[in-house]
Structures are given as C-alpha cells and as structure tokens.
PDB file of N, CA and C in Angstrom:
ATOM      1  N   UNK A   1      16.273 -34.539  12.431  1.00  0.00           N
ATOM      2  CA  UNK A   1      17.086 -35.710  12.654  1.00  0.00           C
ATOM      3  C   UNK A   1      16.343 -36.720  13.506  1.00  0.00           C
ATOM      4  N   UNK A   2      16.701 -37.936  13.265  1.00  0.00           N
ATOM      5  CA  UNK A   2      16.118 -39.015  14.033  1.00  0.00           C
ATOM      6  C   UNK A   2      16.715 -38.995  15.434  1.00  0.00           C
ATOM      7  N   UNK A   3      15.919 -39.334  16.411  1.00  0.00           N
ATOM      8  CA  UNK A   3      16.377 -39.296  17.797  1.00  0.00           C
ATOM      9  C   UNK A   3      17.496 -40.307  18.060  1.00  0.00           C
ATOM     10  N   UNK A   4      17.545 -41.381  17.308  1.00  0.00           N
ATOM     11  CA  UNK A   4      18.573 -42.405  17.495  1.00  0.00           C
ATOM     12  C   UNK A   4      19.956 -41.885  17.106  1.00  0.00           C
ATOM     13  N   UNK A   5      19.999 -40.886  16.220  1.00  0.00           N
ATOM     14  CA  UNK A   5      21.295 -40.368  15.774  1.00  0.00           C
ATOM     15  C   UNK A   5      21.795 -39.193  16.604  1.00  0.00           C
ATOM     16  N   UNK A   6      20.986 -38.669  17.471  1.00  0.00           N
ATOM     17  CA  UNK A   6      21.403 -37.526  18.272  1.00  0.00           C
ATOM     18  C   UNK A   6      22.195 -38.030  19.470  1.00  0.00           C
ATOM     19  N   UNK A   7      23.349 -37.408  19.719  1.00  0.00           N
ATOM     20  CA  UNK A   7      24.159 -37.871  20.855  1.00  0.00           C
ATOM     21  C   UNK A   7      23.442 -37.627  22.177  1.00  0.00           C
ATOM     22  N   UNK A   8      23.494 -38.614  22.990  1.00  0.00           N
ATOM     23  CA  UNK A   8      22.909 -38.510  24.313  1.00  0.00           C
ATOM     24  C   UNK A   8      23.951 -37.890  25.249  1.00  0.00           C
ATOM     25  N   UNK A   9      23.544 -37.218  26.281  1.00  0.00           N
ATOM     26  CA  UNK A   9      24.505 -36.555  27.174  1.00  0.00           C
ATOM     27  C   UNK A   9      25.533 -37.505  27.787  1.00  0.00           C
ATOM     28  N   UNK A  10      25.124 -38.706  28.163  1.00  0.00           N
ATOM     29  CA  UNK A  10      26.108 -39.612  28.765  1.00  0.00           C
ATOM     30  C   UNK A  10      27.101 -40.097  27.727  1.00  0.00           C
ATOM     31  N   UNK A  11      26.676 -40.263  26.473  1.00  0.00           N
ATOM     32  CA  UNK A  11      27.613 -40.637  25.408  1.00  0.00           C
ATOM     33  C   UNK A  11      28.596 -39.503  25.145  1.00  0.00           C
ATOM     34  N   UNK A  12      28.110 -38.289  25.179  1.00  0.00           N
ATOM     35  CA  UNK A  12      28.992 -37.138  24.967  1.00  0.00           C
ATOM     36  C   UNK A  12      30.037 -37.073  26.075  1.00  0.00           C
ATOM     37  N   UNK A  13      29.612 -37.347  27.296  1.00  0.00           N
ATOM     38  CA  UNK A  13      30.550 -37.333  28.421  1.00  0.00           C
ATOM     39  C   UNK A  13      31.587 -38.446  28.280  1.00  0.00           C
ATOM     40  N   UNK A  14      31.142 -39.629  27.863  1.00  0.00           N
ATOM     41  CA  UNK A  14      32.069 -40.758  27.687  1.00  0.00           C
ATOM     42  C   UNK A  14      33.073 -40.455  26.583  1.00  0.00           C
ATOM     43  N   UNK A  15      32.572 -39.967  25.435  1.00  0.00           N
ATOM     44  CA  UNK A  15      33.469 -39.642  24.320  1.00  0.00           C
ATOM     45  C   UNK A  15      34.430 -38.534  24.721  1.00  0.00           C
ATOM     46  N   UNK A  16      33.922 -37.511  25.398  1.00  0.00           N
ATOM     47  CA  UNK A  16      34.788 -36.426  25.869  1.00  0.00           C
ATOM     48  C   UNK A  16      35.843 -36.934  26.839  1.00  0.00           C
ATOM     49  N   UNK A  17      35.430 -37.810  27.745  1.00  0.00           N
ATOM     50  CA  UNK A  17      36.384 -38.385  28.699  1.00  0.00           C
ATOM     51  C   UNK A  17      37.447 -39.219  28.013  1.00  0.00           C
ATOM     52  N   UNK A  18      37.030 -39.997  27.023  1.00  0.00           N
ATOM     53  CA  UNK A  18      37.991 -40.824  26.282  1.00  0.00           C
ATOM     54  C   UNK A  18      38.972 -39.940  25.526  1.00  0.00           C
ATOM     55  N   UNK A  19      38.452 -38.911  24.841  1.00  0.00           N
ATOM     56  CA  UNK A  19      39.333 -38.008  24.097  1.00  0.00           C
ATOM     57  C   UNK A  19      40.296 -37.273  25.028  1.00  0.00           C
ATOM     58  N   UNK A  20      39.772 -36.832  26.193  1.00  0.00           N
ATOM     59  CA  UNK A  20      40.641 -36.165  27.160  1.00  0.00           C
ATOM     60  C   UNK A  20      41.730 -37.112  27.654  1.00  0.00           C
ATOM     61  N   UNK A  21      41.362 -38.352  27.945  1.00  0.00           N
ATOM     62  CA  UNK A  21      42.328 -39.341  28.431  1.00  0.00           C
ATOM     63  C   UNK A  21      43.390 -39.628  27.377  1.00  0.00           C
ATOM     64  N   UNK A  22      42.951 -39.781  26.132  1.00  0.00           N
ATOM     65  CA  UNK A  22      43.914 -40.037  25.054  1.00  0.00           C
ATOM     66  C   UNK A  22      44.871 -38.864  24.910  1.00  0.00           C
ATOM     67  N   UNK A  23      44.316 -37.641  24.932  1.00  0.00           N
ATOM     68  CA  UNK A  23      45.175 -36.461  24.806  1.00  0.00           C
ATOM     69  C   UNK A  23      46.143 -36.370  25.985  1.00  0.00           C
ATOM     70  N   UNK A  24      45.662 -36.657  27.182  1.00  0.00           N
ATOM     71  CA  UNK A  24      46.516 -36.605  28.362  1.00  0.00           C
ATOM     72  C   UNK A  24      47.629 -37.652  28.258  1.00  0.00           C
ATOM     73  N   UNK A  25      47.290 -38.865  27.817  1.00  0.00           N
ATOM     74  CA  UNK A  25      48.299 -39.916  27.673  1.00  0.00           C
ATOM     75  C   UNK A  25      49.348 -39.542  26.632  1.00  0.00           C
ATOM     76  N   UNK A  26      48.909 -38.941  25.525  1.00  0.00           N
ATOM     77  CA  UNK A  26      49.864 -38.511  24.498  1.00  0.00           C
ATOM     78  C   UNK A  26      50.784 -37.436  25.065  1.00  0.00           C
ATOM     79  N   UNK A  27      50.220 -36.477  25.789  1.00  0.00           N
ATOM     80  CA  UNK A  27      51.039 -35.428  26.409  1.00  0.00           C
ATOM     81  C   UNK A  27      51.996 -36.000  27.436  1.00  0.00           C
ATOM     82  N   UNK A  28      51.513 -36.945  28.226  1.00  0.00           N
ATOM     83  CA  UNK A  28      52.363 -37.580  29.232  1.00  0.00           C
ATOM     84  C   UNK A  28      53.498 -38.349  28.563  1.00  0.00           C
ATOM     85  N   UNK A  29      53.180 -39.065  27.497  1.00  0.00           N
ATOM     86  CA  UNK A  29      54.213 -39.801  26.766  1.00  0.00           C
ATOM     87  C   UNK A  29      55.226 -38.869  26.138  1.00  0.00           C
ATOM     88  N   UNK A  30      54.756 -37.750  25.589  1.00  0.00           N
ATOM     89  CA  UNK A  30      55.674 -36.783  24.982  1.00  0.00           C
ATOM     90  C   UNK A  30      56.584 -36.181  26.040  1.00  0.00           C
ATOM     91  N   UNK A  31      56.036 -35.908  27.204  1.00  0.00           N
ATOM     92  CA  UNK A  31      56.845 -35.362  28.299  1.00  0.00           C
ATOM     93  C   UNK A  31      57.927 -36.353  28.708  1.00  0.00           C
ATOM     94  N   UNK A  32      57.541 -37.614  28.849  1.00  0.00           N
ATOM     95  CA  UNK A  32      58.526 -38.642  29.194  1.00  0.00           C
ATOM     96  C   UNK A  32      59.557 -38.816  28.090  1.00  0.00           C
ATOM     97  N   UNK A  33      59.115 -38.732  26.850  1.00  0.00           N
ATOM     98  CA  UNK A  33      60.048 -38.871  25.727  1.00  0.00           C
ATOM     99  C   UNK A  33      61.056 -37.733  25.734  1.00  0.00           C
ATOM    100  N   UNK A  34      60.602 -36.511  26.006  1.00  0.00           N
ATOM    101  CA  UNK A  34      61.527 -35.373  26.056  1.00  0.00           C
ATOM    102  C   UNK A  34      62.550 -35.551  27.168  1.00  0.00           C
ATOM    103  N   UNK A  35      62.101 -35.991  28.336  1.00  0.00           N
ATOM    104  CA  UNK A  35      63.047 -36.179  29.439  1.00  0.00           C
ATOM    105  C   UNK A  35      64.009 -37.326  29.141  1.00  0.00           C
ATOM    106  N   UNK A  36      63.524 -38.376  28.491  1.00  0.00           N
ATOM    107  CA  UNK A  36      64.399 -39.485  28.109  1.00  0.00           C
ATOM    108  C   UNK A  36      65.435 -39.028  27.100  1.00  0.00           C
ATOM    109  N   UNK A  37      65.012 -38.243  26.118  1.00  0.00           N
ATOM    110  CA  UNK A  37      65.944 -37.736  25.107  1.00  0.00           C
ATOM    111  C   UNK A  37      66.987 -36.840  25.759  1.00  0.00           C
ATOM    112  N   UNK A  38      66.563 -35.993  26.690  1.00  0.00           N
ATOM    113  CA  UNK A  38      67.514 -35.105  27.367  1.00  0.00           C
ATOM    114  C   UNK A  38      68.532 -35.909  28.172  1.00  0.00           C
ATOM    115  N   UNK A  39      68.075 -36.918  28.897  1.00  0.00           N
ATOM    116  CA  UNK A  39      69.013 -37.714  29.695  1.00  0.00           C
ATOM    117  C   UNK A  39      69.941 -38.526  28.795  1.00  0.00           C
ATOM    118  N   UNK A  40      69.416 -39.029  27.674  1.00  0.00           N
ATOM    119  CA  UNK A  40      70.276 -39.767  26.750  1.00  0.00           C
ATOM    120  C   UNK A  40      71.282 -38.837  26.083  1.00  0.00           C
ATOM    121  N   UNK A  41      70.897 -37.587  25.829  1.00  0.00           N
ATOM    122  CA  UNK A  41      71.822 -36.618  25.258  1.00  0.00           C
ATOM    123  C   UNK A  41      72.976 -36.360  26.237  1.00  0.00           C
ATOM    124  N   UNK A  42      72.652 -36.240  27.532  1.00  0.00           N
ATOM    125  CA  UNK A  42      73.688 -36.048  28.551  1.00  0.00           C
ATOM    126  C   UNK A  42      74.595 -37.276  28.633  1.00  0.00           C
ATOM    127  N   UNK A  43      73.995 -38.457  28.610  1.00  0.00           N
ATOM    128  CA  UNK A  43      74.786 -39.688  28.648  1.00  0.00           C
ATOM    129  C   UNK A  43      75.703 -39.785  27.438  1.00  0.00           C
ATOM    130  N   UNK A  44      75.190 -39.420  26.277  1.00  0.00           N
ATOM    131  CA  UNK A  44      75.987 -39.471  25.056  1.00  0.00           C
ATOM    132  C   UNK A  44      77.148 -38.488  25.118  1.00  0.00           C
ATOM    133  N   UNK A  45      76.903 -37.288  25.634  1.00  0.00           N
ATOM    134  CA  UNK A  45      77.979 -36.300  25.769  1.00  0.00           C
ATOM    135  C   UNK A  45      79.046 -36.812  26.734  1.00  0.00           C
ATOM    136  N   UNK A  46      78.606 -37.423  27.837  1.00  0.00           N
ATOM    137  CA  UNK A  46      79.559 -37.961  28.810  1.00  0.00           C
ATOM    138  C   UNK A  46      80.377 -39.096  28.194  1.00  0.00           C
ATOM    139  N   UNK A  47      79.716 -39.974  27.442  1.00  0.00           N
ATOM    140  CA  UNK A  47      80.427 -41.086  26.810  1.00  0.00           C
ATOM    141  C   UNK A  47      81.384 -40.592  25.729  1.00  0.00           C
ATOM    142  N   UNK A  48      80.986 -39.567  24.978  1.00  0.00           N
ATOM    143  CA  UNK A  48      81.886 -39.008  23.969  1.00  0.00           C
ATOM    144  C   UNK A  48      83.130 -38.413  24.612  1.00  0.00           C
ATOM    145  N   UNK A  49      82.957 -37.720  25.738  1.00  0.00           N
ATOM    146  CA  UNK A  49      84.106 -37.164  26.450  1.00  0.00           C
ATOM    147  C   UNK A  49      85.012 -38.288  26.951  1.00  0.00           C
ATOM    148  N   UNK A  50      84.402 -39.350  27.421  1.00  0.00           N
ATOM    149  CA  UNK A  50      85.188 -40.489  27.909  1.00  0.00           C
ATOM    150  C   UNK A  50      85.965 -41.154  26.766  1.00  0.00           C
ATOM    151  N   UNK A  51      85.326 -41.286  25.603  1.00  0.00           N
ATOM    152  CA  UNK A  51      86.001 -41.862  24.437  1.00  0.00           C
ATOM    153  C   UNK A  51      87.161 -40.975  24.011  1.00  0.00           C
ATOM    154  N   UNK A  52      86.951 -39.653  24.036  1.00  0.00           N
ATOM    155  CA  UNK A  52      88.034 -38.732  23.678  1.00  0.00           C
ATOM    156  C   UNK A  52      89.229 -38.908  24.606  1.00  0.00           C
ATOM    157  N   UNK A  53      88.957 -39.036  25.916  1.00  0.00           N
ATOM    158  CA  UNK A  53      90.048 -39.244  26.873  1.00  0.00           C
ATOM    159  C   UNK A  53      90.763 -40.568  26.604  1.00  0.00           C
ATOM    160  N   UNK A  54      89.996 -41.615  26.322  1.00  0.00           N
ATOM    161  CA  UNK A  54      90.604 -42.921  26.047  1.00  0.00           C
ATOM    162  C   UNK A  54      91.437 -42.889  24.775  1.00  0.00           C
ATOM    163  N   UNK A  55      90.960 -42.183  23.751  1.00  0.00           N
ATOM    164  CA  UNK A  55      91.736 -42.073  22.517  1.00  0.00           C
ATOM    165  C   UNK A  55      93.026 -41.308  22.755  1.00  0.00           C
ATOM    166  N   UNK A  56      92.957 -40.270  23.592  1.00  0.00           N
ATOM    167  CA  UNK A  56      94.166 -39.513  23.922  1.00  0.00           C
ATOM    168  C   UNK A  56      95.151 -40.399  24.686  1.00  0.00           C
ATOM    169  N   UNK A  57      94.657 -41.163  25.650  1.00  0.00           N
ATOM    170  CA  UNK A  57      95.534 -42.076  26.394  1.00  0.00           C
ATOM    171  C   UNK A  57      96.121 -43.135  25.474  1.00  0.00           C
ATOM    172  N   UNK A  58      95.325 -43.608  24.511  1.00  0.00           N
ATOM    173  CA  UNK A  58      95.824 -44.606  23.574  1.00  0.00           C
ATOM    174  C   UNK A  58      96.978 -44.035  22.754  1.00  0.00           C
ATOM    175  N   UNK A  59      96.835 -42.796  22.290  1.00  0.00           N
ATOM    176  CA  UNK A  59      97.909 -42.166  21.525  1.00  0.00           C
ATOM    177  C   UNK A  59      99.165 -42.018  22.374  1.00  0.00           C
ATOM    178  N   UNK A  60      98.992 -41.594  23.634  1.00  0.00           N
ATOM    179  CA  UNK A  60     100.140 -41.460  24.534  1.00  0.00           C
ATOM    180  C   UNK A  60     100.801 -42.820  24.765  1.00  0.00           C
ATOM    181  N   UNK A  61      99.992 -43.844  24.977  1.00  0.00           N
ATOM    182  CA  UNK A  61     100.544 -45.181  25.213  1.00  0.00           C
ATOM    183  C   UNK A  61     101.279 -45.707  23.983  1.00  0.00           C
ATOM    184  N   UNK A  62     100.720 -45.470  22.797  1.00  0.00           N
ATOM    185  CA  UNK A  62     101.408 -45.906  21.574  1.00  0.00           C
ATOM    186  C   UNK A  62     102.734 -45.180  21.409  1.00  0.00           C
ATOM    187  N   UNK A  63     102.755 -43.903  21.757  1.00  0.00           N
ATOM    188  CA  UNK A  63     104.006 -43.136  21.686  1.00  0.00           C
ATOM    189  C   UNK A  63     105.029 -43.704  22.675  1.00  0.00           C
ATOM    190  N   UNK A  64     104.577 -44.005  23.892  1.00  0.00           N
ATOM    191  CA  UNK A  64     105.483 -44.588  24.891  1.00  0.00           C
ATOM    192  C   UNK A  64     105.987 -45.960  24.446  1.00  0.00           C
ATOM    193  N   UNK A  65     105.131 -46.756  23.850  1.00  0.00           N
ATOM    194  CA  UNK A  65     105.547 -48.077  23.363  1.00  0.00           C
ATOM    195  C   UNK A  65     106.625 -47.928  22.308  1.00  0.00           C
ATOM    196  N   UNK A  66     106.450 -46.969  21.408  1.00  0.00           N
ATOM    197  CA  UNK A  66     107.451 -46.750  20.361  1.00  0.00           C
ATOM    198  C   UNK A  66     108.783 -46.313  20.967  1.00  0.00           C
ATOM    199  N   UNK A  67     108.731 -45.426  21.964  1.00  0.00           N
ATOM    200  CA  UNK A  67     109.965 -45.000  22.637  1.00  0.00           C
ATOM    201  C   UNK A  67     110.643 -46.185  23.321  1.00  0.00           C
ATOM    202  N   UNK A  68     109.865 -47.022  23.997  1.00  0.00           N
ATOM    203  CA  UNK A  68     110.434 -48.182  24.682  1.00  0.00           C
ATOM    204  C   UNK A  68     111.039 -49.175  23.690  1.00  0.00           C
ATOM    205  N   UNK A  69     110.429 -49.340  22.541  1.00  0.00           N
ATOM    206  CA  UNK A  69     110.991 -50.228  21.523  1.00  0.00           C
ATOM    207  C   UNK A  69     112.332 -49.702  21.026  1.00  0.00           C
ATOM    208  N   UNK A  70     112.403 -48.389  20.833  1.00  0.00           N
ATOM    209  CA  UNK A  70     113.672 -47.801  20.393  1.00  0.00           C
ATOM    210  C   UNK A  70     114.748 -47.980  21.459  1.00  0.00           C
ATOM    211  N   UNK A  71     114.396 -47.722  22.718  1.00  0.00           N
ATOM    212  CA  UNK A  71     115.361 -47.901  23.803  1.00  0.00           C
ATOM    213  C   UNK A  71     115.771 -49.366  23.928  1.00  0.00           C
ATOM    214  N   UNK A  72     114.825 -50.270  23.772  1.00  0.00           N
ATOM    215  CA  UNK A  72     115.118 -51.695  23.837  1.00  0.00           C
ATOM    216  C   UNK A  72     116.090 -52.090  22.728  1.00  0.00           C
ATOM    217  N   UNK A  73     115.847 -51.567  21.529  1.00  0.00           N
ATOM    218  CA  UNK A  73     116.748 -51.877  20.413  1.00  0.00           C
ATOM    219  C   UNK A  73     118.147 -51.348  20.692  1.00  0.00           C
ATOM    220  N   UNK A  74     118.255 -50.138  21.238  1.00  0.00           N
ATOM    221  CA  UNK A  74     119.567 -49.573  21.570  1.00  0.00           C
ATOM    222  C   UNK A  74     120.264 -50.409  22.642  1.00  0.00           C
ATOM    223  N   UNK A  75     119.527 -50.800  23.669  1.00  0.00           N
ATOM    224  CA  UNK A  75     120.119 -51.608  24.738  1.00  0.00           C
ATOM    225  C   UNK A  75     120.566 -52.974  24.219  1.00  0.00           C
ATOM    226  N   UNK A  76     119.785 -53.602  23.365  1.00  0.00           N
ATOM    227  CA  UNK A  76     120.178 -54.889  22.783  1.00  0.00           C
ATOM    228  C   UNK A  76     121.450 -54.735  21.947  1.00  0.00           C
ATOM    229  N   UNK A  77     121.509 -53.639  21.191  1.00  0.00           N
ATOM    230  CA  UNK A  77     122.695 -53.392  20.371  1.00  0.00           C
ATOM    231  C   UNK A  77     123.925 -53.198  21.254  1.00  0.00           C
ATOM    232  N   UNK A  78     123.780 -52.420  22.330  1.00  0.00           N
ATOM    233  CA  UNK A  78     124.912 -52.196  23.236  1.00  0.00           C
ATOM    234  C   UNK A  78     125.333 -53.497  23.923  1.00  0.00           C
ATOM    235  N   UNK A  79     124.354 -54.299  24.343  1.00  0.00           N
ATOM    236  CA  UNK A  79     124.690 -55.574  24.972  1.00  0.00           C
ATOM    237  C   UNK A  79     125.379 -56.506  23.969  1.00  0.00           C
ATOM    238  N   UNK A  80     124.913 -56.527  22.730  1.00  0.00           N
ATOM    239  CA  UNK A  80     125.524 -57.378  21.707  1.00  0.00           C
ATOM    240  C   UNK A  80     126.957 -56.937  21.433  1.00  0.00           C
ATOM    241  N   UNK A  81     127.189 -55.611  21.388  1.00  0.00           N
ATOM    242  CA  UNK A  81     128.545 -55.091  21.153  1.00  0.00           C
ATOM    243  C   UNK A  81     129.484 -55.421  22.310  1.00  0.00           C
ATOM    244  N   UNK A  82     128.931 -55.482  23.515  1.00  0.00           N
ATOM    245  CA  UNK A  82     129.786 -55.795  24.663  1.00  0.00           C
ATOM    246  C   UNK A  82     129.980 -57.302  24.828  1.00  0.00           C
ATOM    247  N   UNK A  83     129.382 -58.084  23.946  1.00  0.00           N
ATOM    248  CA  UNK A  83     129.625 -59.514  23.957  1.00  0.00           C
ATOM    249  C   UNK A  83     128.628 -60.313  24.767  1.00  0.00           C
ATOM    250  N   UNK A  84     127.587 -59.719  25.208  1.00  0.00           N
ATOM    251  CA  UNK A  84     126.574 -60.436  25.982  1.00  0.00           C
ATOM    252  C   UNK A  84     125.497 -60.925  25.018  1.00  0.00           C
ATOM    253  N   UNK A  85     125.200 -62.220  25.101  1.00  0.00           N
ATOM    254  CA  UNK A  85     124.188 -62.794  24.214  1.00  0.00           C
ATOM    255  C   UNK A  85     122.800 -62.403  24.707  1.00  0.00           C
ATOM    256  N   UNK A  86     122.034 -61.840  23.815  1.00  0.00           N
ATOM    257  CA  UNK A  86     120.675 -61.409  24.146  1.00  0.00           C
ATOM    258  C   UNK A  86     119.714 -62.181  23.253  1.00  0.00           C
ATOM    259  N   UNK A  87     118.729 -62.851  23.852  1.00  0.00           N
ATOM    260  CA  UNK A  87     117.762 -63.567  23.007  1.00  0.00           C
ATOM    261  C   UNK A  87     116.960 -62.575  22.157  1.00  0.00           C
ATOM    262  N   UNK A  88     116.657 -63.012  20.960  1.00  0.00           N
ATOM    263  CA  UNK A  88     115.884 -62.152  20.059  1.00  0.00           C
ATOM    264  C   UNK A  88     114.412 -62.164  20.467  1.00  0.00           C
ATOM    265  N   UNK A  89     113.799 -61.023  20.324  1.00  0.00           N
ATOM    266  CA  UNK A  89     112.386 -60.894  20.702  1.00  0.00           C
ATOM    267  C   UNK A  89     111.484 -61.363  19.585  1.00  0.00           C
TER     268      UNK A  89
END
C-alpha cells in the first residue's frame, strides 16, 4: 500500500475520538429520551385520572340539574294552581 493511504496514528485517534463522542451523544440522547417518555407517561396517567374525575363530576352535575328542573317544574305547577303568577322560564 501507498504510504499516503495508511492511517496515521493521530488520524486514528481523531477518528476514534469522533466516533466515541458520537456514540456517547447518541447514548446520552437516548437516556434523556427515555426519561422524558417516562415523565410524559406519568403526566398522561395523571391527566387521564383527572379527566375521569371531571367526567364523573359532569355526570353528577347533569343528574342534579335534571332533578332541579323537575323540582322547578313541580313548584311552578303548584304556584300556578294556587293562583300565583309565575314568569315562564
């Protein structure tokens, strides 16, 4: 082989250092990505639990609204029967 094509020791060290740095950066990025995914998974679970609670409260509130509407209708009917004028809603 021609001497110009043979790797010189300092070039080998530079290439090795670059490859090591690239591998280290990829590993570091993967580590950060795993921790980010784990924290986002926890956040998502917490938000899903919060949404479930809000949906349950919404159902309870809708049920209470329906009960109040029925009671309101009964009270309006009783007031109308007793001769008291009640404005229509």
